[in-house]
Amino acid sequence: MKKRNNKKNDVRLIKFTREGDLPPAAISLANTLYNKTGKWRSVTPVIDRDKCISCMICWKFCPDAAIKIVGGAPHIDLDYCKGCAICVEECPVKAIIAKEEKK
């Protein structure tokens, strides 16, 4: 394992050089395109197209990259949305609401 100190931000970069150096943890070796995590949701975000101003703040803050820009407007990909509702909280015009997921 190599450690490099970045003096500019005083942040350490840790790079594992072999598999045996990895910490014991549950990790996925697949990317998010493989791991469709949308079934984890308990709430579903819904965009009101009449209120949306396409500011893309929801896209910027989505931790799962579940919001795609299509035709200049945000669209939520429910295959990947975990229902964290960060987009609901960050929308400046309250164009996104969280609806309870029905199972």
N, C-alpha and C. Protein backbone atom coordinates (compact mmCIF):
# COMPACT_ATOMS: atom_id res chain seq x y z
N MET A 1 0.85 -1.17 0.00
CA MET A 1 0.00 0.00 0.00
C MET A 1 0.90 1.23 0.00
N LYS A 2 0.62 2.17 -0.91
CA LYS A 2 1.38 3.41 -1.00
C LYS A 2 0.55 4.55 -0.43
N LYS A 3 1.18 5.44 0.30
CA LYS A 3 0.50 6.63 0.81
C LYS A 3 1.20 7.85 0.24
N ARG A 4 0.40 8.80 -0.20
CA ARG A 4 0.95 10.04 -0.73
C ARG A 4 0.25 11.20 -0.04
N ASN A 5 1.01 12.13 0.46
CA ASN A 5 0.45 13.27 1.15
C ASN A 5 0.32 14.43 0.17
N ASN A 6 -0.87 14.95 0.01
CA ASN A 6 -1.14 16.09 -0.85
C ASN A 6 -1.10 17.34 0.03
N LYS A 7 -0.01 18.09 -0.01
CA LYS A 7 0.18 19.23 0.88
C LYS A 7 -0.84 20.34 0.63
N LYS A 8 -1.33 20.47 -0.60
CA LYS A 8 -2.26 21.54 -0.92
C LYS A 8 -3.51 21.50 -0.04
N ASN A 9 -4.09 20.34 0.10
CA ASN A 9 -5.31 20.19 0.90
C ASN A 9 -5.08 19.36 2.15
N ASP A 10 -3.85 18.94 2.38
CA ASP A 10 -3.51 18.07 3.49
C ASP A 10 -4.42 16.84 3.52
N VAL A 11 -4.58 16.24 2.34
CA VAL A 11 -5.40 15.05 2.18
C VAL A 11 -4.48 13.91 1.78
N ARG A 12 -4.75 12.73 2.33
CA ARG A 12 -3.92 11.57 1.99
C ARG A 12 -4.63 10.72 0.95
N LEU A 13 -3.88 10.37 -0.07
CA LEU A 13 -4.37 9.45 -1.09
C LEU A 13 -3.83 8.07 -0.73
N ILE A 14 -4.74 7.13 -0.59
CA ILE A 14 -4.33 5.76 -0.29
C ILE A 14 -4.61 4.92 -1.52
N LYS A 15 -3.59 4.30 -2.04
CA LYS A 15 -3.73 3.46 -3.22
C LYS A 15 -3.31 2.05 -2.86
N PHE A 16 -4.24 1.10 -3.04
CA PHE A 16 -3.94 -0.29 -2.74
C PHE A 16 -3.28 -0.92 -3.97
N THR A 17 -2.13 -1.52 -3.76
CA THR A 17 -1.38 -2.09 -4.88
C THR A 17 -1.63 -3.58 -5.06
N ARG A 18 -2.21 -4.23 -4.05
CA ARG A 18 -2.56 -5.64 -4.19
C ARG A 18 -3.85 -5.92 -3.44
N GLU A 19 -4.53 -6.94 -3.87
CA GLU A 19 -5.82 -7.29 -3.29
C GLU A 19 -5.74 -7.55 -1.79
N GLY A 20 -4.64 -8.12 -1.33
CA GLY A 20 -4.47 -8.43 0.08
C GLY A 20 -4.41 -7.20 0.97
N ASP A 21 -4.15 -6.02 0.38
CA ASP A 21 -4.09 -4.77 1.15
C ASP A 21 -5.47 -4.17 1.41
N LEU A 22 -6.49 -4.65 0.70
CA LEU A 22 -7.83 -4.08 0.87
C LEU A 22 -8.34 -4.34 2.28
N PRO A 23 -9.03 -3.38 2.87
CA PRO A 23 -9.59 -3.60 4.20
C PRO A 23 -10.73 -4.61 4.13
N PRO A 24 -10.96 -5.37 5.19
CA PRO A 24 -12.07 -6.32 5.17
C PRO A 24 -13.40 -5.57 5.23
N ALA A 25 -14.12 -5.58 4.12
CA ALA A 25 -15.40 -4.88 4.05
C ALA A 25 -16.21 -5.46 2.91
N ALA A 26 -17.48 -5.26 2.98
CA ALA A 26 -18.35 -5.68 1.88
C ALA A 26 -18.27 -4.62 0.80
N ILE A 27 -17.73 -4.98 -0.35
CA ILE A 27 -17.62 -4.05 -1.47
C ILE A 27 -18.11 -4.74 -2.73
N SER A 28 -18.51 -3.94 -3.67
CA SER A 28 -18.92 -4.46 -4.97
C SER A 28 -17.81 -4.15 -5.96
N LEU A 29 -17.46 -5.11 -6.76
CA LEU A 29 -16.45 -4.89 -7.77
C LEU A 29 -17.08 -4.48 -9.10
N ALA A 30 -18.39 -4.39 -9.15
CA ALA A 30 -19.08 -3.97 -10.36
C ALA A 30 -19.41 -2.48 -10.26
N ASN A 31 -19.61 -1.86 -11.41
CA ASN A 31 -19.94 -0.44 -11.39
C ASN A 31 -21.45 -0.25 -11.20
N THR A 32 -21.89 1.00 -11.10
CA THR A 32 -23.30 1.26 -10.82
C THR A 32 -24.20 0.92 -12.00
N LEU A 33 -23.65 0.82 -13.20
CA LEU A 33 -24.48 0.42 -14.33
C LEU A 33 -24.90 -1.04 -14.20
N TYR A 34 -24.09 -1.82 -13.51
CA TYR A 34 -24.40 -3.24 -13.29
C TYR A 34 -25.34 -3.41 -12.10
N ASN A 35 -25.13 -2.61 -11.07
CA ASN A 35 -25.89 -2.74 -9.82
C ASN A 35 -27.14 -1.86 -9.85
N LYS A 36 -28.23 -2.41 -10.31
CA LYS A 36 -29.49 -1.66 -10.32
C LYS A 36 -30.06 -1.72 -8.90
N THR A 37 -30.01 -0.59 -8.21
CA THR A 37 -30.35 -0.55 -6.79
C THR A 37 -31.70 0.12 -6.52
N GLY A 38 -32.49 0.35 -7.56
CA GLY A 38 -33.76 1.05 -7.41
C GLY A 38 -34.78 0.34 -6.54
N LYS A 39 -34.66 -0.95 -6.37
CA LYS A 39 -35.64 -1.68 -5.54
C LYS A 39 -35.43 -1.45 -4.05
N TRP A 40 -34.41 -0.69 -3.67
CA TRP A 40 -34.15 -0.39 -2.27
C TRP A 40 -35.07 0.72 -1.76
N ARG A 41 -35.72 1.44 -2.67
CA ARG A 41 -36.48 2.65 -2.33
C ARG A 41 -37.68 2.38 -1.43
N SER A 42 -37.96 3.35 -0.57
CA SER A 42 -39.24 3.38 0.15
C SER A 42 -40.05 4.60 -0.30
N VAL A 43 -39.38 5.57 -0.95
CA VAL A 43 -40.06 6.71 -1.56
C VAL A 43 -39.55 6.88 -2.99
N THR A 44 -40.43 7.39 -3.85
CA THR A 44 -40.07 7.63 -5.25
C THR A 44 -40.15 9.12 -5.53
N PRO A 45 -39.06 9.71 -6.02
CA PRO A 45 -39.13 11.13 -6.40
C PRO A 45 -39.86 11.28 -7.74
N VAL A 46 -40.71 12.29 -7.81
CA VAL A 46 -41.48 12.57 -9.02
C VAL A 46 -41.29 14.04 -9.36
N ILE A 47 -40.92 14.31 -10.62
CA ILE A 47 -40.70 15.69 -11.06
C ILE A 47 -41.97 16.25 -11.68
N ASP A 48 -42.39 17.42 -11.19
CA ASP A 48 -43.52 18.14 -11.78
C ASP A 48 -42.96 18.98 -12.92
N ARG A 49 -43.23 18.57 -14.14
CA ARG A 49 -42.66 19.24 -15.33
C ARG A 49 -43.11 20.69 -15.44
N ASP A 50 -44.29 21.04 -14.93
CA ASP A 50 -44.76 22.43 -15.00
C ASP A 50 -43.96 23.36 -14.08
N LYS A 51 -43.45 22.82 -12.98
CA LYS A 51 -42.68 23.63 -12.02
C LYS A 51 -41.19 23.61 -12.32
N CYS A 52 -40.69 22.54 -12.94
CA CYS A 52 -39.25 22.36 -13.15
C CYS A 52 -38.68 23.47 -14.04
N ILE A 53 -37.57 24.08 -13.60
CA ILE A 53 -36.92 25.14 -14.37
C ILE A 53 -35.62 24.63 -15.01
N SER A 54 -35.39 23.34 -14.95
CA SER A 54 -34.20 22.69 -15.54
C SER A 54 -32.90 23.34 -15.08
N CYS A 55 -32.81 23.61 -13.79
CA CYS A 55 -31.59 24.21 -13.23
C CYS A 55 -30.50 23.16 -13.02
N MET A 56 -30.86 21.90 -13.02
CA MET A 56 -29.98 20.74 -12.90
C MET A 56 -29.35 20.58 -11.52
N ILE A 57 -29.87 21.26 -10.52
CA ILE A 57 -29.36 21.11 -9.16
C ILE A 57 -29.63 19.70 -8.66
N CYS A 58 -30.77 19.13 -9.01
CA CYS A 58 -31.07 17.75 -8.61
C CYS A 58 -30.03 16.79 -9.19
N TRP A 59 -29.68 16.99 -10.43
CA TRP A 59 -28.67 16.16 -11.11
C TRP A 59 -27.32 16.29 -10.40
N LYS A 60 -26.98 17.51 -10.03
CA LYS A 60 -25.69 17.78 -9.39
C LYS A 60 -25.57 17.07 -8.04
N PHE A 61 -26.64 17.03 -7.26
CA PHE A 61 -26.58 16.49 -5.91
C PHE A 61 -26.94 15.02 -5.79
N CYS A 62 -27.43 14.40 -6.85
CA CYS A 62 -27.83 12.99 -6.78
C CYS A 62 -26.61 12.11 -6.53
N PRO A 63 -26.55 11.42 -5.38
CA PRO A 63 -25.36 10.63 -5.06
C PRO A 63 -25.25 9.33 -5.87
N ASP A 64 -26.33 8.95 -6.55
CA ASP A 64 -26.31 7.69 -7.30
C ASP A 64 -26.28 7.89 -8.80
N ALA A 65 -26.15 9.13 -9.26
CA ALA A 65 -26.18 9.44 -10.69
C ALA A 65 -27.44 8.85 -11.33
N ALA A 66 -28.55 8.91 -10.62
CA ALA A 66 -29.81 8.36 -11.10
C ALA A 66 -30.62 9.38 -11.89
N ILE A 67 -30.13 10.59 -11.96
CA ILE A 67 -30.83 11.63 -12.73
C ILE A 67 -30.06 11.86 -14.01
N LYS A 68 -30.75 11.68 -15.12
CA LYS A 68 -30.16 11.86 -16.44
C LYS A 68 -30.76 13.12 -17.06
N ILE A 69 -29.99 13.77 -17.91
CA ILE A 69 -30.48 14.95 -18.62
C ILE A 69 -30.90 14.49 -20.02
N VAL A 70 -32.18 14.63 -20.31
CA VAL A 70 -32.72 14.23 -21.61
C VAL A 70 -33.45 15.43 -22.20
N GLY A 71 -33.00 15.88 -23.35
CA GLY A 71 -33.64 17.03 -23.98
C GLY A 71 -33.57 18.28 -23.16
N GLY A 72 -32.49 18.43 -22.37
CA GLY A 72 -32.30 19.62 -21.55
C GLY A 72 -33.07 19.62 -20.24
N ALA A 73 -33.71 18.50 -19.91
CA ALA A 73 -34.49 18.42 -18.66
C ALA A 73 -34.08 17.19 -17.87
N PRO A 74 -34.16 17.26 -16.54
CA PRO A 74 -33.79 16.09 -15.72
C PRO A 74 -34.88 15.01 -15.74
N HIS A 75 -34.43 13.77 -15.78
CA HIS A 75 -35.32 12.61 -15.72
C HIS A 75 -34.72 11.62 -14.73
N ILE A 76 -35.53 11.07 -13.86
CA ILE A 76 -35.05 10.16 -12.83
C ILE A 76 -35.11 8.73 -13.34
N ASP A 77 -33.97 8.05 -13.30
CA ASP A 77 -33.88 6.65 -13.71
C ASP A 77 -34.16 5.80 -12.48
N LEU A 78 -35.36 5.27 -12.40
CA LEU A 78 -35.80 4.54 -11.21
C LEU A 78 -35.09 3.19 -11.04
N ASP A 79 -34.37 2.74 -12.04
CA ASP A 79 -33.57 1.52 -11.88
C ASP A 79 -32.43 1.74 -10.89
N TYR A 80 -31.99 3.00 -10.76
CA TYR A 80 -30.83 3.31 -9.92
C TYR A 80 -31.15 4.19 -8.72
N CYS A 81 -32.29 4.85 -8.70
CA CYS A 81 -32.67 5.75 -7.60
C CYS A 81 -32.97 4.94 -6.35
N LYS A 82 -32.29 5.28 -5.25
CA LYS A 82 -32.51 4.59 -3.97
C LYS A 82 -33.54 5.29 -3.09
N GLY A 83 -34.05 6.43 -3.54
CA GLY A 83 -35.08 7.13 -2.78
C GLY A 83 -34.55 7.94 -1.62
N CYS A 84 -33.33 8.44 -1.71
CA CYS A 84 -32.75 9.22 -0.61
C CYS A 84 -33.43 10.58 -0.45
N ALA A 85 -34.08 11.06 -1.51
CA ALA A 85 -34.82 12.33 -1.52
C ALA A 85 -33.93 13.57 -1.39
N ILE A 86 -32.66 13.43 -1.67
CA ILE A 86 -31.79 14.61 -1.68
C ILE A 86 -32.25 15.57 -2.78
N CYS A 87 -32.67 15.04 -3.91
CA CYS A 87 -33.16 15.89 -5.00
C CYS A 87 -34.38 16.70 -4.56
N VAL A 88 -35.24 16.09 -3.76
CA VAL A 88 -36.43 16.77 -3.25
C VAL A 88 -36.01 17.96 -2.38
N GLU A 89 -35.05 17.73 -1.51
CA GLU A 89 -34.58 18.79 -0.60
C GLU A 89 -33.83 19.90 -1.32
N GLU A 90 -33.08 19.56 -2.36
CA GLU A 90 -32.23 20.55 -3.04
C GLU A 90 -32.94 21.35 -4.12
N CYS A 91 -34.08 20.89 -4.61
CA CYS A 91 -34.79 21.59 -5.68
C CYS A 91 -35.23 22.97 -5.20
N PRO A 92 -34.75 24.05 -5.85
CA PRO A 92 -35.05 25.40 -5.37
C PRO A 92 -36.50 25.82 -5.60
N VAL A 93 -37.20 25.16 -6.53
CA VAL A 93 -38.59 25.55 -6.81
C VAL A 93 -39.59 24.48 -6.36
N LYS A 94 -39.10 23.49 -5.61
CA LYS A 94 -39.95 22.41 -5.08
C LYS A 94 -40.73 21.69 -6.19
N ALA A 95 -40.02 21.43 -7.30
CA ALA A 95 -40.64 20.73 -8.43
C ALA A 95 -40.57 19.22 -8.28
N ILE A 96 -39.88 18.74 -7.25
CA ILE A 96 -39.77 17.29 -7.03
C ILE A 96 -40.42 16.96 -5.70
N ILE A 97 -41.30 15.97 -5.73
CA ILE A 97 -41.93 15.50 -4.50
C ILE A 97 -41.55 14.04 -4.29
N ALA A 98 -41.64 13.58 -3.06
CA ALA A 98 -41.35 12.18 -2.74
C ALA A 98 -42.68 11.49 -2.46
N LYS A 99 -42.98 10.50 -3.30
CA LYS A 99 -44.21 9.72 -3.10
C LYS A 99 -43.82 8.39 -2.44
N GLU A 100 -44.64 7.95 -1.50
CA GLU A 100 -44.37 6.69 -0.83
C GLU A 100 -44.43 5.54 -1.83
N GLU A 101 -43.43 4.70 -1.79
CA GLU A 101 -43.34 3.55 -2.70
C GLU A 101 -44.37 2.50 -2.28
N LYS A 102 -45.11 1.99 -3.25
CA LYS A 102 -46.07 0.93 -2.97
C LYS A 102 -45.48 -0.38 -3.44
N LYS A 103 -45.39 -1.34 -2.53
CA LYS A 103 -44.77 -2.63 -2.85
C LYS A 103 -45.81 -3.65 -3.19
